[in-house]
Amino acid sequence: MIPGGGQPNMQQILQQAQKMQQDLARAQEELARTEVEGQAGGGLVKATVSGAGELRGLVIDPKAVDPEDTETLADLVVAAVQAANENAQALQKDKLGPLADMPGLPF
């Protein structure tokens, strides 16, 4: 029920919705520009992703490369990318607050 028995001001509601949409678009642009890192193997493998979760870089220390054990290297790469994505998700929650959990957002 609206206080005072009046009708909701549709213009105000539309303005608020438009402002929220603009704020969300700005936050998404900022996330796309921001980079976060994840690492595995004590820093032997480092992955960099955008705040939106796009893989931007991967650094592998030569000490992590063993031609006889590529499986471990693959595991380290996966772990570093996962860690970077977890950091990106934390950044999304920080920047977007409750909007980060809304379904249908493009990240």
Protein backbone atom coordinates (compact mmCIF):
# COMPACT_ATOMS: atom_id res chain seq x y z
CA MET A 1 0.00 0.00 0.00
CA ILE A 2 1.27 3.45 -0.89
CA PRO A 3 1.52 5.91 2.06
CA GLY A 4 -1.12 8.58 1.84
CA GLY A 5 -3.26 6.43 -0.48
CA GLY A 6 -1.72 7.95 -3.61
CA GLN A 7 -0.62 6.17 -6.75
CA PRO A 8 3.06 5.47 -7.35
CA ASN A 9 4.71 8.13 -9.47
CA MET A 10 5.49 6.20 -12.65
CA GLN A 11 7.93 8.86 -13.83
CA GLN A 12 9.92 8.48 -10.61
CA ILE A 13 9.90 4.70 -10.91
CA LEU A 14 11.10 4.88 -14.52
CA GLN A 15 13.85 7.35 -13.59
CA GLN A 16 15.03 5.08 -10.77
CA ALA A 17 15.04 2.06 -13.09
CA GLN A 18 16.99 4.00 -15.72
CA LYS A 19 19.53 5.13 -13.11
CA MET A 20 19.97 1.55 -11.89
CA GLN A 21 20.49 0.41 -15.47
CA GLN A 22 23.13 3.11 -16.05
CA ASP A 23 24.88 2.27 -12.76
CA LEU A 24 24.90 -1.41 -13.70
CA ALA A 25 26.33 -0.67 -17.16
CA ARG A 26 29.08 1.49 -15.62
CA ALA A 27 29.94 -1.22 -13.11
CA GLN A 28 30.06 -3.87 -15.87
CA GLU A 29 32.40 -1.67 -17.95
CA GLU A 30 34.65 -1.17 -14.94
CA LEU A 31 34.70 -4.92 -14.28
CA ALA A 32 35.64 -5.61 -17.91
CA ARG A 33 38.63 -3.21 -17.57
CA THR A 34 39.79 -4.47 -14.18
CA GLU A 35 42.17 -7.43 -14.02
CA VAL A 36 42.57 -9.87 -11.14
CA GLU A 37 45.05 -12.67 -10.67
CA GLY A 38 44.97 -16.20 -9.37
CA GLN A 39 47.90 -18.51 -8.80
CA ALA A 40 48.73 -22.13 -8.10
CA GLY A 41 51.77 -24.14 -7.14
CA GLY A 42 53.11 -21.41 -4.90
CA GLY A 43 53.13 -18.95 -7.79
CA LEU A 44 54.53 -21.30 -10.44
CA VAL A 45 51.41 -20.67 -12.54
CA LYS A 46 49.61 -17.33 -12.57
CA ALA A 47 46.39 -16.56 -14.43
CA THR A 48 45.00 -13.10 -15.06
CA VAL A 49 41.31 -12.60 -15.80
CA SER A 50 39.12 -9.56 -16.27
CA GLY A 51 36.65 -8.73 -13.53
CA ALA A 52 34.05 -10.28 -15.82
CA GLY A 53 35.96 -13.59 -15.86
CA GLU A 54 37.64 -13.40 -19.29
CA LEU A 55 41.09 -15.03 -19.33
CA ARG A 56 43.61 -12.33 -20.24
CA GLY A 57 46.98 -13.87 -19.44
CA LEU A 58 48.79 -16.93 -18.24
CA VAL A 59 52.35 -17.06 -16.89
CA ILE A 60 54.07 -20.38 -16.32
CA ASP A 61 57.38 -20.50 -14.47
CA PRO A 62 59.84 -22.77 -16.35
CA LYS A 63 60.30 -24.75 -13.12
CA ALA A 64 56.71 -25.97 -13.52
CA VAL A 65 57.44 -27.51 -16.92
CA ASP A 66 58.37 -31.17 -16.78
CA PRO A 67 57.97 -32.97 -20.12
CA GLU A 68 57.49 -36.21 -18.21
CA ASP A 69 54.62 -34.78 -16.14
CA THR A 70 52.37 -32.55 -18.22
CA GLU A 71 49.38 -33.64 -16.13
CA THR A 72 50.61 -31.73 -13.08
CA LEU A 73 51.19 -28.63 -15.19
CA ALA A 74 47.66 -28.89 -16.60
CA ASP A 75 46.29 -29.21 -13.05
CA LEU A 76 48.23 -26.09 -11.98
CA VAL A 77 46.88 -24.12 -14.96
CA VAL A 78 43.30 -25.14 -14.16
CA ALA A 79 43.77 -24.27 -10.47
CA ALA A 80 45.26 -20.85 -11.28
CA VAL A 81 42.41 -20.01 -13.67
CA GLN A 82 39.85 -21.16 -11.10
CA ALA A 83 41.50 -19.02 -8.42
CA ALA A 84 41.50 -16.01 -10.73
CA ASN A 85 37.81 -16.55 -11.54
CA GLU A 86 36.98 -16.80 -7.84
CA ASN A 87 38.73 -13.46 -7.34
CA ALA A 88 36.76 -12.02 -10.27
CA GLN A 89 33.50 -13.23 -8.71
CA ALA A 90 34.43 -11.61 -5.41
CA LEU A 91 35.15 -8.37 -7.28
CA GLN A 92 31.77 -8.62 -9.04
CA LYS A 93 29.98 -9.01 -5.71
CA ASP A 94 31.91 -6.05 -4.32
CA LYS A 95 31.15 -3.78 -7.31
CA LEU A 96 27.58 -4.87 -7.99
CA GLY A 97 26.33 -5.83 -4.55
CA PRO A 98 23.02 -7.66 -4.70
CA LEU A 99 22.84 -7.19 -8.49
CA ALA A 100 25.74 -9.66 -8.89
CA ASP A 101 23.41 -12.54 -8.03
CA MET A 102 20.70 -11.60 -10.53
CA PRO A 103 20.13 -14.22 -13.22
CA GLY A 104 20.61 -13.18 -16.82
CA LEU A 105 23.56 -10.86 -16.29
CA PRO A 106 26.27 -11.39 -18.91
CA PHE A 107 29.02 -12.62 -16.56
